[in-house]
Amino acid sequence: MEVILMKHTCLVFVVSFLLLFWVSCGTNEYDFMNDVSEISAIEIVQLVGYNLDSYEFIENTLVTIENHETFIDEFSKLKCKTHYSEPHSLEEGEVVIKVTYNNGEYELIHAKAQYRCRVKNRGYGYQIFDEEQFNSFLSSAKT
């Protein structure tokens, strides 16, 4: 009886782990930190430094996106996964999408990380993209 209970417990654990792994590896659309109707600006920027006083990245704007709706429609075709471990940190030199909202909040979106600057706090996102697909999208957006 005890052996059967151990086998049952082990089976439940393995199935639970596989289910969690399967759910975490699913693809979905990117989850913007605010409603897309609240977007005031979209830019492609290169990170050139980090200001330790304000805890914000210093950016060089490469492209300003004029048609937000078209950009978001195309961007939403990129599938991403939720990453449940320590998020990647953005680094100097990386090219990212900067989405600014009407309330002043913004997020920086990279294939392997997001930096979210809210009114009261800052943090990293946990969604990752296929890097080749993301970079291809960035290249097409810059032209």
C-alpha atoms as a PDB file:
ATOM      1  CA  MET A   1       0.000   0.000   0.000  1.00  0.00           C
ATOM      2  CA  GLU A   2       2.815   2.373   0.933  1.00  0.00           C
ATOM      3  CA  VAL A   3       4.603   1.715  -2.370  1.00  0.00           C
ATOM      4  CA  ILE A   4       1.426   2.479  -4.331  1.00  0.00           C
ATOM      5  CA  LEU A   5       0.988   5.760  -2.432  1.00  0.00           C
ATOM      6  CA  MET A   6       4.600   6.735  -3.170  1.00  0.00           C
ATOM      7  CA  LYS A   7       4.168   5.930  -6.854  1.00  0.00           C
ATOM      8  CA  HIS A   8       0.930   7.927  -6.959  1.00  0.00           C
ATOM      9  CA  THR A   9       2.570  10.914  -5.243  1.00  0.00           C
ATOM     10  CA  CYS A  10       5.526  10.742  -7.616  1.00  0.00           C
ATOM     11  CA  LEU A  11       3.211  10.544 -10.623  1.00  0.00           C
ATOM     12  CA  VAL A  12       1.206  13.572  -9.437  1.00  0.00           C
ATOM     13  CA  PHE A  13       4.440  15.529  -8.946  1.00  0.00           C
ATOM     14  CA  VAL A  14       5.768  14.653 -12.419  1.00  0.00           C
ATOM     15  CA  VAL A  15       2.464  15.473 -14.126  1.00  0.00           C
ATOM     16  CA  SER A  16       2.236  18.786 -12.235  1.00  0.00           C
ATOM     17  CA  PHE A  17       5.782  19.698 -13.235  1.00  0.00           C
ATOM     18  CA  LEU A  18       5.149  18.829 -16.884  1.00  0.00           C
ATOM     19  CA  LEU A  19       1.909  20.822 -16.877  1.00  0.00           C
ATOM     20  CA  LEU A  20       3.656  23.851 -15.399  1.00  0.00           C
ATOM     21  CA  PHE A  21       6.491  23.533 -17.923  1.00  0.00           C
ATOM     22  CA  TRP A  22       4.018  23.167 -20.808  1.00  0.00           C
ATOM     23  CA  VAL A  23       2.019  26.244 -19.743  1.00  0.00           C
ATOM     24  CA  SER A  24       5.160  28.347 -19.267  1.00  0.00           C
ATOM     25  CA  CYS A  25       6.408  27.462 -22.732  1.00  0.00           C
ATOM     26  CA  GLY A  26       3.252  28.449 -24.553  1.00  0.00           C
ATOM     27  CA  THR A  27       3.355  31.410 -26.891  1.00  0.00           C
ATOM     28  CA  ASN A  28       1.103  34.411 -26.722  1.00  0.00           C
ATOM     29  CA  GLU A  29       0.911  38.075 -27.611  1.00  0.00           C
ATOM     30  CA  TYR A  30       3.010  40.592 -25.717  1.00  0.00           C
ATOM     31  CA  ASP A  31       1.278  41.983 -22.627  1.00  0.00           C
ATOM     32  CA  PHE A  32       1.765  45.763 -22.645  1.00  0.00           C
ATOM     33  CA  MET A  33       1.935  47.295 -19.180  1.00  0.00           C
ATOM     34  CA  ASN A  34      -0.899  49.744 -19.998  1.00  0.00           C
ATOM     35  CA  ASP A  35      -3.711  49.762 -22.528  1.00  0.00           C
ATOM     36  CA  VAL A  36      -2.437  50.415 -26.064  1.00  0.00           C
ATOM     37  CA  SER A  37      -5.013  53.210 -26.452  1.00  0.00           C
ATOM     38  CA  GLU A  38      -2.949  55.128 -23.866  1.00  0.00           C
ATOM     39  CA  ILE A  39       0.260  55.091 -25.951  1.00  0.00           C
ATOM     40  CA  SER A  40       1.582  58.587 -26.633  1.00  0.00           C
ATOM     41  CA  ALA A  41       4.864  57.662 -28.391  1.00  0.00           C
ATOM     42  CA  ILE A  42       6.721  54.706 -29.846  1.00  0.00           C
ATOM     43  CA  GLU A  43      10.422  54.925 -30.644  1.00  0.00           C
ATOM     44  CA  ILE A  44      13.250  52.603 -31.562  1.00  0.00           C
ATOM     45  CA  VAL A  45      16.118  53.606 -29.277  1.00  0.00           C
ATOM     46  CA  GLN A  46      19.649  52.475 -28.524  1.00  0.00           C
ATOM     47  CA  LEU A  47      20.643  52.322 -24.861  1.00  0.00           C
ATOM     48  CA  VAL A  48      23.810  54.376 -24.400  1.00  0.00           C
ATOM     49  CA  GLY A  49      24.083  54.416 -20.620  1.00  0.00           C
ATOM     50  CA  TYR A  50      22.316  54.329 -17.274  1.00  0.00           C
ATOM     51  CA  ASN A  51      21.688  57.224 -14.894  1.00  0.00           C
ATOM     52  CA  LEU A  52      22.236  55.952 -11.348  1.00  0.00           C
ATOM     53  CA  ASP A  53      20.602  59.059  -9.844  1.00  0.00           C
ATOM     54  CA  SER A  54      17.260  58.658 -11.620  1.00  0.00           C
ATOM     55  CA  TYR A  55      17.485  54.885 -12.230  1.00  0.00           C
ATOM     56  CA  GLU A  56      16.705  55.420 -15.909  1.00  0.00           C
ATOM     57  CA  PHE A  57      18.439  54.443 -19.110  1.00  0.00           C
ATOM     58  CA  ILE A  58      20.057  57.097 -21.298  1.00  0.00           C
ATOM     59  CA  GLU A  59      18.827  56.575 -24.848  1.00  0.00           C
ATOM     60  CA  ASN A  60      19.635  57.653 -28.368  1.00  0.00           C
ATOM     61  CA  THR A  61      16.475  57.783 -30.511  1.00  0.00           C
ATOM     62  CA  LEU A  62      16.996  56.005 -33.828  1.00  0.00           C
ATOM     63  CA  VAL A  63      13.421  56.143 -35.198  1.00  0.00           C
ATOM     64  CA  THR A  64      10.164  57.724 -34.087  1.00  0.00           C
ATOM     65  CA  ILE A  65       7.151  55.656 -35.105  1.00  0.00           C
ATOM     66  CA  GLU A  66       4.388  57.874 -36.469  1.00  0.00           C
ATOM     67  CA  ASN A  67       1.633  55.318 -37.048  1.00  0.00           C
ATOM     68  CA  HIS A  68       1.151  53.647 -33.669  1.00  0.00           C
ATOM     69  CA  GLU A  69      -1.790  51.499 -34.721  1.00  0.00           C
ATOM     70  CA  THR A  70       0.008  49.887 -37.664  1.00  0.00           C
ATOM     71  CA  PHE A  71       3.130  49.333 -35.580  1.00  0.00           C
ATOM     72  CA  ILE A  72       1.147  47.666 -32.765  1.00  0.00           C
ATOM     73  CA  ASP A  73      -0.749  45.509 -35.272  1.00  0.00           C
ATOM     74  CA  GLU A  74       2.534  44.264 -36.752  1.00  0.00           C
ATOM     75  CA  PHE A  75       4.197  43.915 -33.345  1.00  0.00           C
ATOM     76  CA  SER A  76       1.282  41.832 -32.033  1.00  0.00           C
ATOM     77  CA  LYS A  77       2.102  39.207 -34.676  1.00  0.00           C
ATOM     78  CA  LEU A  78       5.352  38.468 -32.823  1.00  0.00           C
ATOM     79  CA  LYS A  79       4.775  35.649 -30.377  1.00  0.00           C
ATOM     80  CA  CYS A  80       6.450  35.608 -27.011  1.00  0.00           C
ATOM     81  CA  LYS A  81       6.810  33.299 -24.049  1.00  0.00           C
ATOM     82  CA  THR A  82       6.627  34.032 -20.364  1.00  0.00           C
ATOM     83  CA  HIS A  83       9.969  33.337 -18.699  1.00  0.00           C
ATOM     84  CA  TYR A  84       9.574  32.269 -15.055  1.00  0.00           C
ATOM     85  CA  SER A  85      13.141  32.698 -13.853  1.00  0.00           C
ATOM     86  CA  GLU A  86      15.389  35.690 -13.254  1.00  0.00           C
ATOM     87  CA  PRO A  87      14.785  38.171 -16.094  1.00  0.00           C
ATOM     88  CA  HIS A  88      17.555  39.283 -18.429  1.00  0.00           C
ATOM     89  CA  SER A  89      18.857  42.797 -17.705  1.00  0.00           C
ATOM     90  CA  LEU A  90      19.037  45.360 -20.470  1.00  0.00           C
ATOM     91  CA  GLU A  91      22.536  46.482 -21.324  1.00  0.00           C
ATOM     92  CA  GLU A  92      24.267  49.453 -22.904  1.00  0.00           C
ATOM     93  CA  GLY A  93      24.337  49.220 -26.695  1.00  0.00           C
ATOM     94  CA  GLU A  94      21.128  47.231 -27.068  1.00  0.00           C
ATOM     95  CA  VAL A  95      18.437  48.474 -29.463  1.00  0.00           C
ATOM     96  CA  VAL A  96      14.932  48.373 -27.985  1.00  0.00           C
ATOM     97  CA  ILE A  97      11.386  49.559 -28.577  1.00  0.00           C
ATOM     98  CA  LYS A  98      10.372  52.373 -26.237  1.00  0.00           C
ATOM     99  CA  VAL A  99       6.640  52.698 -25.614  1.00  0.00           C
ATOM    100  CA  THR A 100       5.577  55.819 -23.712  1.00  0.00           C
ATOM    101  CA  TYR A 101       2.096  56.229 -22.249  1.00  0.00           C
ATOM    102  CA  ASN A 102      -0.032  59.337 -21.664  1.00  0.00           C
ATOM    103  CA  ASN A 103       0.620  59.180 -17.893  1.00  0.00           C
ATOM    104  CA  GLY A 104       4.411  59.390 -18.403  1.00  0.00           C
ATOM    105  CA  GLU A 105       5.096  55.720 -17.753  1.00  0.00           C
ATOM    106  CA  TYR A 106       7.135  53.839 -20.324  1.00  0.00           C
ATOM    107  CA  GLU A 107       8.540  50.447 -21.130  1.00  0.00           C
ATOM    108  CA  LEU A 108      11.595  49.343 -23.049  1.00  0.00           C
ATOM    109  CA  ILE A 109      11.029  46.129 -24.987  1.00  0.00           C
ATOM    110  CA  HIS A 110      13.902  43.860 -26.030  1.00  0.00           C
ATOM    111  CA  ALA A 111      13.781  40.281 -27.320  1.00  0.00           C
ATOM    112  CA  LYS A 112      15.034  38.960 -23.975  1.00  0.00           C
ATOM    113  CA  ALA A 113      13.786  41.548 -21.467  1.00  0.00           C
ATOM    114  CA  GLN A 114      11.571  44.488 -20.707  1.00  0.00           C
ATOM    115  CA  TYR A 115      12.256  47.441 -18.445  1.00  0.00           C
ATOM    116  CA  ARG A 116       9.081  48.967 -17.055  1.00  0.00           C
ATOM    117  CA  CYS A 117       9.180  52.438 -15.578  1.00  0.00           C
ATOM    118  CA  ARG A 118       5.951  53.112 -13.699  1.00  0.00           C
ATOM    119  CA  VAL A 119       5.024  56.214 -11.742  1.00  0.00           C
ATOM    120  CA  LYS A 120       5.817  54.537  -8.399  1.00  0.00           C
ATOM    121  CA  ASN A 121       8.262  51.750  -9.267  1.00  0.00           C
ATOM    122  CA  ARG A 122      10.531  50.227 -11.863  1.00  0.00           C
ATOM    123  CA  GLY A 123      11.060  46.622 -12.792  1.00  0.00           C
ATOM    124  CA  TYR A 124      11.780  44.058 -15.443  1.00  0.00           C
ATOM    125  CA  GLY A 125       9.309  42.051 -17.505  1.00  0.00           C
ATOM    126  CA  TYR A 126       9.348  38.312 -18.010  1.00  0.00           C
ATOM    127  CA  GLN A 127       8.381  37.914 -21.664  1.00  0.00           C
ATOM    128  CA  ILE A 128      10.864  36.718 -24.276  1.00  0.00           C
ATOM    129  CA  PHE A 129      10.699  36.669 -28.061  1.00  0.00           C
ATOM    130  CA  ASP A 130      12.492  34.693 -30.719  1.00  0.00           C
ATOM    131  CA  GLU A 131      15.559  36.929 -31.049  1.00  0.00           C
ATOM    132  CA  GLU A 132      15.927  36.534 -34.807  1.00  0.00           C
ATOM    133  CA  GLN A 133      12.249  37.325 -35.437  1.00  0.00           C
ATOM    134  CA  PHE A 134      12.344  40.303 -33.052  1.00  0.00           C
ATOM    135  CA  ASN A 135      15.489  41.756 -34.630  1.00  0.00           C
ATOM    136  CA  SER A 136      14.008  41.306 -38.095  1.00  0.00           C
ATOM    137  CA  PHE A 137      10.944  43.233 -36.942  1.00  0.00           C
ATOM    138  CA  LEU A 138      13.158  46.020 -35.538  1.00  0.00           C
ATOM    139  CA  SER A 139      15.089  46.233 -38.798  1.00  0.00           C
ATOM    140  CA  SER A 140      11.909  46.579 -40.842  1.00  0.00           C
ATOM    141  CA  ALA A 141      10.551  49.202 -38.411  1.00  0.00           C
ATOM    142  CA  LYS A 142      13.715  51.304 -38.777  1.00  0.00           C
ATOM    143  CA  THR A 143      13.287  51.644 -42.545  1.00  0.00           C
END
